[in-house]
PDB file of N, CA and C in Angstrom:
ATOM      1  N   GLN A   1     140.786 148.043 146.205  1.00  0.00           N
ATOM      2  CA  GLN A   1     139.666 147.121 146.174  1.00  0.00           C
ATOM      3  C   GLN A   1     139.936 145.917 147.047  1.00  0.00           C
ATOM      4  N   VAL A   2     138.921 145.482 147.734  1.00  0.00           N
ATOM      5  CA  VAL A   2     138.991 144.262 148.539  1.00  0.00           C
ATOM      6  C   VAL A   2     137.887 143.327 148.080  1.00  0.00           C
ATOM      7  N   GLN A   3     138.236 142.098 147.831  1.00  0.00           N
ATOM      8  CA  GLN A   3     137.245 141.084 147.479  1.00  0.00           C
ATOM      9  C   GLN A   3     137.053 140.162 148.691  1.00  0.00           C
ATOM     10  N   LEU A   4     135.804 139.906 149.015  1.00  0.00           N
ATOM     11  CA  LEU A   4     135.472 139.081 150.187  1.00  0.00           C
ATOM     12  C   LEU A   4     134.556 137.940 149.747  1.00  0.00           C
ATOM     13  N   VAL A   5     134.877 136.747 150.178  1.00  0.00           N
ATOM     14  CA  VAL A   5     134.059 135.574 149.842  1.00  0.00           C
ATOM     15  C   VAL A   5     133.765 134.787 151.110  1.00  0.00           C
ATOM     16  N   GLU A   6     132.483 134.708 151.454  1.00  0.00           N
ATOM     17  CA  GLU A   6     132.082 133.954 152.642  1.00  0.00           C
ATOM     18  C   GLU A   6     131.785 132.495 152.260  1.00  0.00           C
ATOM     19  N   SER A   7     131.945 131.618 153.212  1.00  0.00           N
ATOM     20  CA  SER A   7     131.579 130.220 153.052  1.00  0.00           C
ATOM     21  C   SER A   7     131.280 129.620 154.422  1.00  0.00           C
ATOM     22  N   GLY A   8     130.685 128.437 154.420  1.00  0.00           N
ATOM     23  CA  GLY A   8     130.463 127.729 155.663  1.00  0.00           C
ATOM     24  C   GLY A   8     129.048 127.750 156.184  1.00  0.00           C
ATOM     25  N   GLY A   9     128.162 128.477 155.509  1.00  0.00           N
ATOM     26  CA  GLY A   9     126.771 128.501 155.958  1.00  0.00           C
ATOM     27  C   GLY A   9     126.081 127.180 155.684  1.00  0.00           C
ATOM     28  N   GLY A  10     124.868 127.058 156.197  1.00  0.00           N
ATOM     29  CA  GLY A  10     124.106 125.837 155.981  1.00  0.00           C
ATOM     30  C   GLY A  10     122.944 125.703 156.923  1.00  0.00           C
ATOM     31  N   LEU A  11     122.379 124.504 156.942  1.00  0.00           N
ATOM     32  CA  LEU A  11     121.231 124.188 157.811  1.00  0.00           C
ATOM     33  C   LEU A  11     121.727 123.380 158.991  1.00  0.00           C
ATOM     34  N   VAL A  12     121.353 123.784 160.183  1.00  0.00           N
ATOM     35  CA  VAL A  12     121.783 123.109 161.396  1.00  0.00           C
ATOM     36  C   VAL A  12     120.643 123.102 162.405  1.00  0.00           C
ATOM     37  N   GLN A  13     120.596 122.094 163.243  1.00  0.00           N
ATOM     38  CA  GLN A  13     119.583 122.064 164.291  1.00  0.00           C
ATOM     39  C   GLN A  13     119.963 122.980 165.441  1.00  0.00           C
ATOM     40  N   ALA A  14     118.965 123.413 166.158  1.00  0.00           N
ATOM     41  CA  ALA A  14     119.215 124.245 167.338  1.00  0.00           C
ATOM     42  C   ALA A  14     120.167 123.504 168.296  1.00  0.00           C
ATOM     43  N   GLY A  15     121.116 124.277 168.825  1.00  0.00           N
ATOM     44  CA  GLY A  15     122.134 123.682 169.689  1.00  0.00           C
ATOM     45  C   GLY A  15     123.392 123.260 168.953  1.00  0.00           C
ATOM     46  N   GLY A  16     123.333 123.236 167.641  1.00  0.00           N
ATOM     47  CA  GLY A  16     124.473 122.831 166.832  1.00  0.00           C
ATOM     48  C   GLY A  16     125.455 123.971 166.613  1.00  0.00           C
ATOM     49  N   SER A  17     126.459 123.660 165.773  1.00  0.00           N
ATOM     50  CA  SER A  17     127.548 124.608 165.522  1.00  0.00           C
ATOM     51  C   SER A  17     127.821 124.728 164.028  1.00  0.00           C
ATOM     52  N   LEU A  18     128.319 125.888 163.639  1.00  0.00           N
ATOM     53  CA  LEU A  18     128.815 126.117 162.307  1.00  0.00           C
ATOM     54  C   LEU A  18     130.042 127.033 162.403  1.00  0.00           C
ATOM     55  N   ARG A  19     130.922 126.929 161.418  1.00  0.00           N
ATOM     56  CA  ARG A  19     132.035 127.873 161.333  1.00  0.00           C
ATOM     57  C   ARG A  19     132.003 128.549 159.968  1.00  0.00           C
ATOM     58  N   LEU A  20     131.839 129.853 159.994  1.00  0.00           N
ATOM     59  CA  LEU A  20     131.858 130.643 158.784  1.00  0.00           C
ATOM     60  C   LEU A  20     133.285 131.101 158.512  1.00  0.00           C
ATOM     61  N   SER A  21     133.615 131.210 157.232  1.00  0.00           N
ATOM     62  CA  SER A  21     134.916 131.726 156.808  1.00  0.00           C
ATOM     63  C   SER A  21     134.707 132.899 155.853  1.00  0.00           C
ATOM     64  N   CYS A  22     135.629 133.827 155.884  1.00  0.00           N
ATOM     65  CA  CYS A  22     135.621 134.955 154.956  1.00  0.00           C
ATOM     66  C   CYS A  22     137.036 135.111 154.412  1.00  0.00           C
ATOM     67  N   ALA A  23     137.191 134.795 153.149  1.00  0.00           N
ATOM     68  CA  ALA A  23     138.504 134.911 152.491  1.00  0.00           C
ATOM     69  C   ALA A  23     138.603 136.272 151.831  1.00  0.00           C
ATOM     70  N   ALA A  24     139.689 136.966 152.106  1.00  0.00           N
ATOM     71  CA  ALA A  24     139.876 138.325 151.587  1.00  0.00           C
ATOM     72  C   ALA A  24     141.058 138.364 150.616  1.00  0.00           C
ATOM     73  N   SER A  25     140.946 139.242 149.651  1.00  0.00           N
ATOM     74  CA  SER A  25     142.050 139.472 148.700  1.00  0.00           C
ATOM     75  C   SER A  25     142.003 140.912 148.248  1.00  0.00           C
ATOM     76  N   GLY A  26     143.143 141.376 147.751  1.00  0.00           N
ATOM     77  CA  GLY A  26     143.206 142.719 147.188  1.00  0.00           C
ATOM     78  C   GLY A  26     143.939 143.745 148.013  1.00  0.00           C
ATOM     79  N   ARG A  27     144.010 143.532 149.309  1.00  0.00           N
ATOM     80  CA  ARG A  27     144.743 144.439 150.203  1.00  0.00           C
ATOM     81  C   ARG A  27     145.489 143.609 151.250  1.00  0.00           C
ATOM     82  N   THR A  28     146.405 144.240 151.962  1.00  0.00           N
ATOM     83  CA  THR A  28     147.102 143.567 153.051  1.00  0.00           C
ATOM     84  C   THR A  28     146.105 143.242 154.160  1.00  0.00           C
ATOM     85  N   PHE A  29     145.817 141.956 154.314  1.00  0.00           N
ATOM     86  CA  PHE A  29     144.741 141.541 155.209  1.00  0.00           C
ATOM     87  C   PHE A  29     144.974 141.993 156.638  1.00  0.00           C
ATOM     88  N   SER A  30     146.212 141.940 157.089  1.00  0.00           N
ATOM     89  CA  SER A  30     146.493 142.270 158.484  1.00  0.00           C
ATOM     90  C   SER A  30     146.155 143.689 158.830  1.00  0.00           C
ATOM     91  N   ARG A  31     146.000 144.551 157.843  1.00  0.00           N
ATOM     92  CA  ARG A  31     145.687 145.955 158.081  1.00  0.00           C
ATOM     93  C   ARG A  31     144.204 146.254 158.047  1.00  0.00           C
ATOM     94  N   LEU A  32     143.389 145.242 157.774  1.00  0.00           N
ATOM     95  CA  LEU A  32     141.957 145.449 157.651  1.00  0.00           C
ATOM     96  C   LEU A  32     141.228 145.237 158.971  1.00  0.00           C
ATOM     97  N   THR A  33     140.312 146.121 159.295  1.00  0.00           N
ATOM     98  CA  THR A  33     139.353 145.832 160.333  1.00  0.00           C
ATOM     99  C   THR A  33     138.245 145.006 159.698  1.00  0.00           C
ATOM    100  N   MET A  34     137.894 143.901 160.325  1.00  0.00           N
ATOM    101  CA  MET A  34     136.944 142.958 159.737  1.00  0.00           C
ATOM    102  C   MET A  34     135.734 142.776 160.632  1.00  0.00           C
ATOM    103  N   GLY A  35     134.583 142.568 160.000  1.00  0.00           N
ATOM    104  CA  GLY A  35     133.359 142.389 160.775  1.00  0.00           C
ATOM    105  C   GLY A  35     132.433 141.374 160.182  1.00  0.00           C
ATOM    106  N   TRP A  36     131.560 140.846 161.007  1.00  0.00           N
ATOM    107  CA  TRP A  36     130.450 139.975 160.590  1.00  0.00           C
ATOM    108  C   TRP A  36     129.147 140.679 160.930  1.00  0.00           C
ATOM    109  N   PHE A  37     128.244 140.661 159.970  1.00  0.00           N
ATOM    110  CA  PHE A  37     126.907 141.198 160.140  1.00  0.00           C
ATOM    111  C   PHE A  37     125.918 140.152 159.656  1.00  0.00           C
ATOM    112  N   ARG A  38     124.652 140.316 160.022  1.00  0.00           N
ATOM    113  CA  ARG A  38     123.635 139.377 159.537  1.00  0.00           C
ATOM    114  C   ARG A  38     122.354 140.134 159.255  1.00  0.00           C
ATOM    115  N   GLN A  39     121.548 139.524 158.374  1.00  0.00           N
ATOM    116  CA  GLN A  39     120.281 140.134 157.999  1.00  0.00           C
ATOM    117  C   GLN A  39     119.248 139.053 157.820  1.00  0.00           C
ATOM    118  N   ALA A  40     118.220 139.125 158.634  1.00  0.00           N
ATOM    119  CA  ALA A  40     117.077 138.212 158.533  1.00  0.00           C
ATOM    120  C   ALA A  40     116.004 138.846 157.661  1.00  0.00           C
ATOM    121  N   PRO A  41     115.131 138.059 157.043  1.00  0.00           N
ATOM    122  CA  PRO A  41     114.069 138.606 156.191  1.00  0.00           C
ATOM    123  C   PRO A  41     113.250 139.660 156.935  1.00  0.00           C
ATOM    124  N   GLY A  42     113.073 140.819 156.307  1.00  0.00           N
ATOM    125  CA  GLY A  42     112.278 141.886 156.890  1.00  0.00           C
ATOM    126  C   GLY A  42     112.996 142.712 157.938  1.00  0.00           C
ATOM    127  N   ASN A  43     114.244 142.359 158.206  1.00  0.00           N
ATOM    128  CA  ASN A  43     115.018 143.113 159.215  1.00  0.00           C
ATOM    129  C   ASN A  43     116.168 143.870 158.568  1.00  0.00           C
ATOM    130  N   GLU A  44     116.674 144.847 159.286  1.00  0.00           N
ATOM    131  CA  GLU A  44     117.852 145.544 158.826  1.00  0.00           C
ATOM    132  C   GLU A  44     119.094 144.702 159.119  1.00  0.00           C
ATOM    133  N   ARG A  45     120.143 145.001 158.406  1.00  0.00           N
ATOM    134  CA  ARG A  45     121.417 144.318 158.650  1.00  0.00           C
ATOM    135  C   ARG A  45     121.920 144.733 160.021  1.00  0.00           C
ATOM    136  N   GLU A  46     122.344 143.741 160.820  1.00  0.00           N
ATOM    137  CA  GLU A  46     122.778 144.044 162.183  1.00  0.00           C
ATOM    138  C   GLU A  46     124.179 143.511 162.449  1.00  0.00           C
ATOM    139  N   PHE A  47     124.827 144.165 163.367  1.00  0.00           N
ATOM    140  CA  PHE A  47     126.180 143.781 163.757  1.00  0.00           C
ATOM    141  C   PHE A  47     126.174 142.481 164.541  1.00  0.00           C
ATOM    142  N   VAL A  48     127.184 141.646 164.275  1.00  0.00           N
ATOM    143  CA  VAL A  48     127.360 140.401 165.013  1.00  0.00           C
ATOM    144  C   VAL A  48     128.692 140.414 165.783  1.00  0.00           C
ATOM    145  N   ALA A  49     129.779 140.624 165.075  1.00  0.00           N
ATOM    146  CA  ALA A  49     131.099 140.568 165.710  1.00  0.00           C
ATOM    147  C   ALA A  49     132.102 141.299 164.803  1.00  0.00           C
ATOM    148  N   ALA A  50     133.192 141.753 165.410  1.00  0.00           N
ATOM    149  CA  ALA A  50     134.236 142.413 164.640  1.00  0.00           C
ATOM    150  C   ALA A  50     135.581 142.192 165.319  1.00  0.00           C
ATOM    151  N   VAL A  51     136.638 142.346 164.531  1.00  0.00           N
ATOM    152  CA  VAL A  51     138.001 142.212 165.043  1.00  0.00           C
ATOM    153  C   VAL A  51     138.855 143.296 164.419  1.00  0.00           C
ATOM    154  N   ARG A  52     139.582 144.016 165.245  1.00  0.00           N
ATOM    155  CA  ARG A  52     140.430 145.096 164.763  1.00  0.00           C
ATOM    156  C   ARG A  52     141.697 144.563 164.130  1.00  0.00           C
ATOM    157  N   SER A  53     142.367 145.454 163.393  1.00  0.00           N
ATOM    158  CA  SER A  53     143.572 145.016 162.680  1.00  0.00           C
ATOM    159  C   SER A  53     144.792 145.018 163.589  1.00  0.00           C
ATOM    160  N   LYS A  54     145.007 146.100 164.304  1.00  0.00           N
ATOM    161  CA  LYS A  54     146.280 146.242 165.012  1.00  0.00           C
ATOM    162  C   LYS A  54     146.363 145.421 166.283  1.00  0.00           C
ATOM    163  N   ASP A  55     145.433 145.624 167.173  1.00  0.00           N
ATOM    164  CA  ASP A  55     145.540 144.932 168.469  1.00  0.00           C
ATOM    165  C   ASP A  55     144.630 143.724 168.551  1.00  0.00           C
ATOM    166  N   THR A  56     143.927 143.432 167.447  1.00  0.00           N
ATOM    167  CA  THR A  56     142.985 142.293 167.347  1.00  0.00           C
ATOM    168  C   THR A  56     141.952 142.279 168.448  1.00  0.00           C
ATOM    169  N   SER A  57     141.606 143.460 168.969  1.00  0.00           N
ATOM    170  CA  SER A  57     140.484 143.534 169.897  1.00  0.00           C
ATOM    171  C   SER A  57     139.222 143.044 169.205  1.00  0.00           C
ATOM    172  N   THR A  58     138.358 142.409 169.966  1.00  0.00           N
ATOM    173  CA  THR A  58     137.134 141.869 169.421  1.00  0.00           C
ATOM    174  C   THR A  58     135.900 142.540 170.026  1.00  0.00           C
ATOM    175  N   TYR A  59     134.839 142.524 169.236  1.00  0.00           N
ATOM    176  CA  TYR A  59     133.551 143.092 169.649  1.00  0.00           C
ATOM    177  C   TYR A  59     132.475 142.058 169.341  1.00  0.00           C
ATOM    178  N   TYR A  60     131.447 141.998 170.185  1.00  0.00           N
ATOM    179  CA  TYR A  60     130.312 141.107 169.964  1.00  0.00           C
ATOM    180  C   TYR A  60     129.012 141.821 170.326  1.00  0.00           C
ATOM    181  N   THR A  61     127.973 141.520 169.591  1.00  0.00           N
ATOM    182  CA  THR A  61     126.660 141.961 170.034  1.00  0.00           C
ATOM    183  C   THR A  61     126.240 141.102 171.216  1.00  0.00           C
ATOM    184  N   ASP A  62     125.439 141.637 172.096  1.00  0.00           N
ATOM    185  CA  ASP A  62     125.123 140.940 173.353  1.00  0.00           C
ATOM    186  C   ASP A  62     124.502 139.561 173.118  1.00  0.00           C
ATOM    187  N   SER A  63     123.700 139.425 172.089  1.00  0.00           N
ATOM    188  CA  SER A  63     122.961 138.184 171.885  1.00  0.00           C
ATOM    189  C   SER A  63     123.846 137.002 171.502  1.00  0.00           C
ATOM    190  N   VAL A  64     125.090 137.256 171.114  1.00  0.00           N
ATOM    191  CA  VAL A  64     125.970 136.147 170.708  1.00  0.00           C
ATOM    192  C   VAL A  64     127.149 135.973 171.643  1.00  0.00           C
ATOM    193  N   LYS A  65     127.307 136.835 172.617  1.00  0.00           N
ATOM    194  CA  LYS A  65     128.418 136.717 173.567  1.00  0.00           C
ATOM    195  C   LYS A  65     128.362 135.376 174.278  1.00  0.00           C
ATOM    196  N   GLY A  66     129.505 134.710 174.333  1.00  0.00           N
ATOM    197  CA  GLY A  66     129.588 133.411 174.979  1.00  0.00           C
ATOM    198  C   GLY A  66     129.238 132.248 174.061  1.00  0.00           C
ATOM    199  N   ARG A  67     128.677 132.551 172.880  1.00  0.00           N
ATOM    200  CA  ARG A  67     128.328 131.499 171.931  1.00  0.00           C
ATOM    201  C   ARG A  67     129.156 131.571 170.641  1.00  0.00           C
ATOM    202  N   PHE A  68     129.426 132.794 170.179  1.00  0.00           N
ATOM    203  CA  PHE A  68     130.171 132.998 168.935  1.00  0.00           C
ATOM    204  C   PHE A  68     131.586 133.470 169.250  1.00  0.00           C
ATOM    205  N   THR A  69     132.533 133.084 168.412  1.00  0.00           N
ATOM    206  CA  THR A  69     133.904 133.524 168.543  1.00  0.00           C
ATOM    207  C   THR A  69     134.428 133.972 167.175  1.00  0.00           C
ATOM    208  N   ILE A  70     134.889 135.210 167.114  1.00  0.00           N
ATOM    209  CA  ILE A  70     135.484 135.737 165.885  1.00  0.00           C
ATOM    210  C   ILE A  70     136.981 135.589 165.979  1.00  0.00           C
ATOM    211  N   SER A  71     137.617 135.281 164.861  1.00  0.00           N
ATOM    212  CA  SER A  71     139.068 135.160 164.844  1.00  0.00           C
ATOM    213  C   SER A  71     139.554 135.481 163.435  1.00  0.00           C
ATOM    214  N   ARG A  72     140.855 135.676 163.319  1.00  0.00           N
ATOM    215  CA  ARG A  72     141.451 135.949 162.032  1.00  0.00           C
ATOM    216  C   ARG A  72     142.790 135.236 161.911  1.00  0.00           C
ATOM    217  N   ASP A  73     143.105 134.793 160.729  1.00  0.00           N
ATOM    218  CA  ASP A  73     144.398 134.180 160.424  1.00  0.00           C
ATOM    219  C   ASP A  73     145.030 135.024 159.333  1.00  0.00           C
ATOM    220  N   ASN A  74     145.924 135.909 159.727  1.00  0.00           N
ATOM    221  CA  ASN A  74     146.516 136.836 158.755  1.00  0.00           C
ATOM    222  C   ASN A  74     147.381 136.109 157.721  1.00  0.00           C
ATOM    223  N   ALA A  75     147.923 134.980 158.084  1.00  0.00           N
ATOM    224  CA  ALA A  75     148.735 134.226 157.121  1.00  0.00           C
ATOM    225  C   ALA A  75     147.892 133.629 156.004  1.00  0.00           C
ATOM    226  N   LYS A  76     146.609 133.374 156.317  1.00  0.00           N
ATOM    227  CA  LYS A  76     145.697 132.793 155.339  1.00  0.00           C
ATOM    228  C   LYS A  76     144.731 133.811 154.754  1.00  0.00           C
ATOM    229  N   ASN A  77     144.870 135.073 155.179  1.00  0.00           N
ATOM    230  CA  ASN A  77     143.973 136.132 154.708  1.00  0.00           C
ATOM    231  C   ASN A  77     142.503 135.770 154.920  1.00  0.00           C
ATOM    232  N   THR A  78     142.220 135.207 156.069  1.00  0.00           N
ATOM    233  CA  THR A  78     140.887 134.680 156.327  1.00  0.00           C
ATOM    234  C   THR A  78     140.422 135.050 157.732  1.00  0.00           C
ATOM    235  N   MET A  79     139.130 135.370 157.814  1.00  0.00           N
ATOM    236  CA  MET A  79     138.483 135.626 159.092  1.00  0.00           C
ATOM    237  C   MET A  79     137.464 134.511 159.309  1.00  0.00           C
ATOM    238  N   TYR A  80     137.209 134.190 160.576  1.00  0.00           N
ATOM    239  CA  TYR A  80     136.286 133.106 160.906  1.00  0.00           C
ATOM    240  C   TYR A  80     135.253 133.570 161.921  1.00  0.00           C
ATOM    241  N   LEU A  81     134.126 132.881 161.925  1.00  0.00           N
ATOM    242  CA  LEU A  81     133.129 133.069 162.966  1.00  0.00           C
ATOM    243  C   LEU A  81     132.665 131.689 163.379  1.00  0.00           C
ATOM    244  N   LEU A  82     133.100 131.261 164.562  1.00  0.00           N
ATOM    245  CA  LEU A  82     132.676 129.986 165.110  1.00  0.00           C
ATOM    246  C   LEU A  82     131.402 130.225 165.898  1.00  0.00           C
ATOM    247  N   MET A  83     130.347 129.551 165.501  1.00  0.00           N
ATOM    248  CA  MET A  83     129.028 129.749 166.104  1.00  0.00           C
ATOM    249  C   MET A  83     128.612 128.467 166.799  1.00  0.00           C
ATOM    250  N   ASN A  84     128.518 128.532 168.123  1.00  0.00           N
ATOM    251  CA  ASN A  84     128.076 127.395 168.927  1.00  0.00           C
ATOM    252  C   ASN A  84     126.707 127.680 169.527  1.00  0.00           C
ATOM    253  N   SER A  85     126.060 126.614 170.013  1.00  0.00           N
ATOM    254  CA  SER A  85     124.749 126.749 170.683  1.00  0.00           C
ATOM    255  C   SER A  85     123.790 127.590 169.835  1.00  0.00           C
ATOM    256  N   LEU A  86     123.718 127.272 168.584  1.00  0.00           N
ATOM    257  CA  LEU A  86     122.902 128.080 167.668  1.00  0.00           C
ATOM    258  C   LEU A  86     121.431 127.996 168.029  1.00  0.00           C
ATOM    259  N   LYS A  87     120.748 129.110 167.796  1.00  0.00           N
ATOM    260  CA  LYS A  87     119.329 129.236 168.104  1.00  0.00           C
ATOM    261  C   LYS A  87     118.567 129.569 166.807  1.00  0.00           C
ATOM    262  N   PRO A  88     117.295 129.268 166.742  1.00  0.00           N
ATOM    263  CA  PRO A  88     116.524 129.647 165.549  1.00  0.00           C
ATOM    264  C   PRO A  88     116.608 131.118 165.219  1.00  0.00           C
ATOM    265  N   GLU A  89     116.734 131.970 166.231  1.00  0.00           N
ATOM    266  CA  GLU A  89     116.810 133.411 165.987  1.00  0.00           C
ATOM    267  C   GLU A  89     118.142 133.839 165.383  1.00  0.00           C
ATOM    268  N   ASP A  90     119.092 132.931 165.271  1.00  0.00           N
ATOM    269  CA  ASP A  90     120.346 133.220 164.587  1.00  0.00           C
ATOM    270  C   ASP A  90     120.204 133.044 163.068  1.00  0.00           C
ATOM    271  N   THR A  91     119.068 132.562 162.616  1.00  0.00           N
ATOM    272  CA  THR A  91     118.851 132.357 161.188  1.00  0.00           C
ATOM    273  C   THR A  91     118.888 133.687 160.455  1.00  0.00           C
ATOM    274  N   ALA A  92     119.748 133.757 159.421  1.00  0.00           N
ATOM    275  CA  ALA A  92     119.948 134.998 158.677  1.00  0.00           C
ATOM    276  C   ALA A  92     120.965 134.746 157.572  1.00  0.00           C
ATOM    277  N   VAL A  93     121.101 135.721 156.691  1.00  0.00           N
ATOM    278  CA  VAL A  93     122.241 135.746 155.784  1.00  0.00           C
ATOM    279  C   VAL A  93     123.362 136.474 156.505  1.00  0.00           C
ATOM    280  N   TYR A  94     124.515 135.841 156.560  1.00  0.00           N
ATOM    281  CA  TYR A  94     125.669 136.405 157.250  1.00  0.00           C
ATOM    282  C   TYR A  94     126.627 137.000 156.242  1.00  0.00           C
ATOM    283  N   TYR A  95     127.041 138.231 156.506  1.00  0.00           N
ATOM    284  CA  TYR A  95     127.936 138.956 155.608  1.00  0.00           C
ATOM    285  C   TYR A  95     129.241 139.293 156.324  1.00  0.00           C
ATOM    286  N   CYS A  96     130.349 139.175 155.623  1.00  0.00           N
ATOM    287  CA  CYS A  96     131.584 139.722 156.160  1.00  0.00           C
ATOM    288  C   CYS A  96     131.849 141.066 155.520  1.00  0.00           C
ATOM    289  N   ALA A  97     132.582 141.899 156.246  1.00  0.00           N
ATOM    290  CA  ALA A  97     132.849 143.250 155.797  1.00  0.00           C
ATOM    291  C   ALA A  97     134.279 143.641 156.156  1.00  0.00           C
ATOM    292  N   ALA A  98     134.818 144.559 155.377  1.00  0.00           N
ATOM    293  CA  ALA A  98     136.207 144.999 155.574  1.00  0.00           C
ATOM    294  C   ALA A  98     136.307 146.500 155.528  1.00  0.00           C
ATOM    295  N   ARG A  99     137.189 147.010 156.364  1.00  0.00           N
ATOM    296  CA  ARG A  99     137.463 148.438 156.390  1.00  0.00           C
ATOM    297  C   ARG A  99     138.963 148.620 156.217  1.00  0.00           C
ATOM    298  N   THR A 100     139.350 149.498 155.294  1.00  0.00           N
ATOM    299  CA  THR A 100     140.778 149.698 155.017  1.00  0.00           C
ATOM    300  C   THR A 100     141.364 150.890 155.767  1.00  0.00           C
ATOM    301  N   SER A 101     140.553 151.856 156.125  1.00  0.00           N
ATOM    302  CA  SER A 101     141.073 153.077 156.751  1.00  0.00           C
ATOM    303  C   SER A 101     141.140 152.944 158.247  1.00  0.00           C
ATOM    304  N   PRO A 102     141.965 153.748 158.914  1.00  0.00           N
ATOM    305  CA  PRO A 102     142.045 153.677 160.374  1.00  0.00           C
ATOM    306  C   PRO A 102     140.715 154.019 161.050  1.00  0.00           C
ATOM    307  N   LEU A 103     140.470 153.372 162.156  1.00  0.00           N
ATOM    308  CA  LEU A 103     139.253 153.661 162.924  1.00  0.00           C
ATOM    309  C   LEU A 103     139.345 155.031 163.563  1.00  0.00           C
ATOM    310  N   THR A 104     138.212 155.675 163.738  1.00  0.00           N
ATOM    311  CA  THR A 104     138.202 157.005 164.326  1.00  0.00           C
ATOM    312  C   THR A 104     137.677 157.035 165.744  1.00  0.00           C
ATOM    313  N   TYR A 105     136.957 155.993 166.158  1.00  0.00           N
ATOM    314  CA  TYR A 105     136.555 155.882 167.563  1.00  0.00           C
ATOM    315  C   TYR A 105     136.364 154.419 167.895  1.00  0.00           C
ATOM    316  N   TYR A 106     136.367 154.093 169.166  1.00  0.00           N
ATOM    317  CA  TYR A 106     136.473 152.707 169.603  1.00  0.00           C
ATOM    318  C   TYR A 106     135.321 151.822 169.117  1.00  0.00           C
ATOM    319  N   ARG A 107     134.096 152.292 169.166  1.00  0.00           N
ATOM    320  CA  ARG A 107     132.945 151.440 168.836  1.00  0.00           C
ATOM    321  C   ARG A 107     132.632 151.437 167.349  1.00  0.00           C
ATOM    322  N   GLU A 108     133.412 152.111 166.572  1.00  0.00           N
ATOM    323  CA  GLU A 108     133.105 152.231 165.145  1.00  0.00           C
ATOM    324  C   GLU A 108     132.941 150.888 164.430  1.00  0.00           C
ATOM    325  N   PRO A 109     133.692 149.838 164.762  1.00  0.00           N
ATOM    326  CA  PRO A 109     133.535 148.568 164.048  1.00  0.00           C
ATOM    327  C   PRO A 109     132.159 147.918 164.196  1.00  0.00           C
ATOM    328  N   THR A 110     131.324 148.430 165.068  1.00  0.00           N
ATOM    329  CA  THR A 110     130.003 147.831 165.285  1.00  0.00           C
ATOM    330  C   THR A 110     128.940 148.402 164.371  1.00  0.00           C
ATOM    331  N   TYR A 111     129.313 149.347 163.516  1.00  0.00           N
ATOM    332  CA  TYR A 111     128.363 150.012 162.631  1.00  0.00           C
ATOM    333  C   TYR A 111     128.567 149.593 161.177  1.00  0.00           C
ATOM    334  N   THR A 112     127.494 149.372 160.453  1.00  0.00           N
ATOM    335  CA  THR A 112     127.603 149.005 159.037  1.00  0.00           C
ATOM    336  C   THR A 112     128.304 150.082 158.238  1.00  0.00           C
ATOM    337  N   THR A 113     128.104 151.325 158.626  1.00  0.00           N
ATOM    338  CA  THR A 113     128.684 152.451 157.890  1.00  0.00           C
ATOM    339  C   THR A 113     130.208 152.523 158.010  1.00  0.00           C
ATOM    340  N   ALA A 114     130.780 151.741 158.922  1.00  0.00           N
ATOM    341  CA  ALA A 114     132.247 151.755 159.100  1.00  0.00           C
ATOM    342  C   ALA A 114     132.969 151.006 157.999  1.00  0.00           C
ATOM    343  N   TYR A 115     132.254 150.211 157.219  1.00  0.00           N
ATOM    344  CA  TYR A 115     132.896 149.281 156.287  1.00  0.00           C
ATOM    345  C   TYR A 115     132.700 149.689 154.837  1.00  0.00           C
ATOM    346  N   GLU A 116     133.775 149.496 154.065  1.00  0.00           N
ATOM    347  CA  GLU A 116     133.757 149.884 152.653  1.00  0.00           C
ATOM    348  C   GLU A 116     133.439 148.707 151.741  1.00  0.00           C
ATOM    349  N   TYR A 117     133.765 147.505 152.167  1.00  0.00           N
ATOM    350  CA  TYR A 117     133.622 146.342 151.299  1.00  0.00           C
ATOM    351  C   TYR A 117     132.817 145.256 151.995  1.00  0.00           C
ATOM    352  N   TRP A 118     132.000 144.572 151.186  1.00  0.00           N
ATOM    353  CA  TRP A 118     131.116 143.537 151.692  1.00  0.00           C
ATOM    354  C   TRP A 118     131.176 142.293 150.813  1.00  0.00           C
ATOM    355  N   GLY A 119     130.998 141.149 151.454  1.00  0.00           N
ATOM    356  CA  GLY A 119     130.869 139.899 150.704  1.00  0.00           C
ATOM    357  C   GLY A 119     129.444 139.705 150.229  1.00  0.00           C
ATOM    358  N   GLN A 120     129.250 138.577 149.559  1.00  0.00           N
ATOM    359  CA  GLN A 120     127.937 138.319 148.965  1.00  0.00           C
ATOM    360  C   GLN A 120     126.961 137.673 149.961  1.00  0.00           C
ATOM    361  N   GLY A 121     127.482 137.209 151.062  1.00  0.00           N
ATOM    362  CA  GLY A 121     126.643 136.617 152.103  1.00  0.00           C
ATOM    363  C   GLY A 121     126.545 135.109 152.020  1.00  0.00           C
ATOM    364  N   THR A 122     126.310 134.485 153.159  1.00  0.00           N
ATOM    365  CA  THR A 122     126.102 133.045 153.220  1.00  0.00           C
ATOM    366  C   THR A 122     124.934 132.782 154.166  1.00  0.00           C
ATOM    367  N   GLN A 123     124.042 131.890 153.747  1.00  0.00           N
ATOM    368  CA  GLN A 123     122.814 131.642 154.503  1.00  0.00           C
ATOM    369  C   GLN A 123     123.095 130.696 155.673  1.00  0.00           C
ATOM    370  N   VAL A 124     122.593 131.075 156.833  1.00  0.00           N
ATOM    371  CA  VAL A 124     122.626 130.206 158.017  1.00  0.00           C
ATOM    372  C   VAL A 124     121.172 129.986 158.447  1.00  0.00           C
ATOM    373  N   THR A 125     120.748 128.742 158.511  1.00  0.00           N
ATOM    374  CA  THR A 125     119.392 128.409 158.924  1.00  0.00           C
ATOM    375  C   THR A 125     119.467 127.463 160.099  1.00  0.00           C
ATOM    376  N   VAL A 126     118.825 127.846 161.198  1.00  0.00           N
ATOM    377  CA  VAL A 126     118.815 127.031 162.399  1.00  0.00           C
ATOM    378  C   VAL A 126     117.396 126.546 162.634  1.00  0.00           C
ATOM    379  N   SER A 127     117.213 125.247 162.597  1.00  0.00           N
ATOM    380  CA  SER A 127     115.883 124.671 162.779  1.00  0.00           C
ATOM    381  C   SER A 127     115.638 124.345 164.244  1.00  0.00           C
ATOM    382  N   SER A 128     114.390 124.451 164.653  1.00  0.00           N
ATOM    383  CA  SER A 128     114.047 124.194 166.073  1.00  0.00           C
ATOM    384  C   SER A 128     113.691 122.760 166.300  1.00  0.00           C
TER     385      SER A 128
END
């Protein structure tokens, strides 16, 4: 079992920044593939960013490249998402996710089905 707790969401004006955190417990954090997803009202949950366990390769959806940065601190069992230049379309509930098993293909971390464990989500609202 992996427990995930997100924090850091809130209300921010367009152009502002937020840093989300995801604290994990229950398994060796360094071995987990970790991801961030978001879901806006009426929309499906979508991929935002991910970081692999072994080589710490990162993935981003095109709409956040150059604005968001995913990182992990294995000593603190925590993953982060630094979000800069926020836009109203970034408004959503942001979820962190964890995968314990080895990846089977390179792009797998970009799919919701790749993850076994999910946090409860944190709301991010960007006002125009």
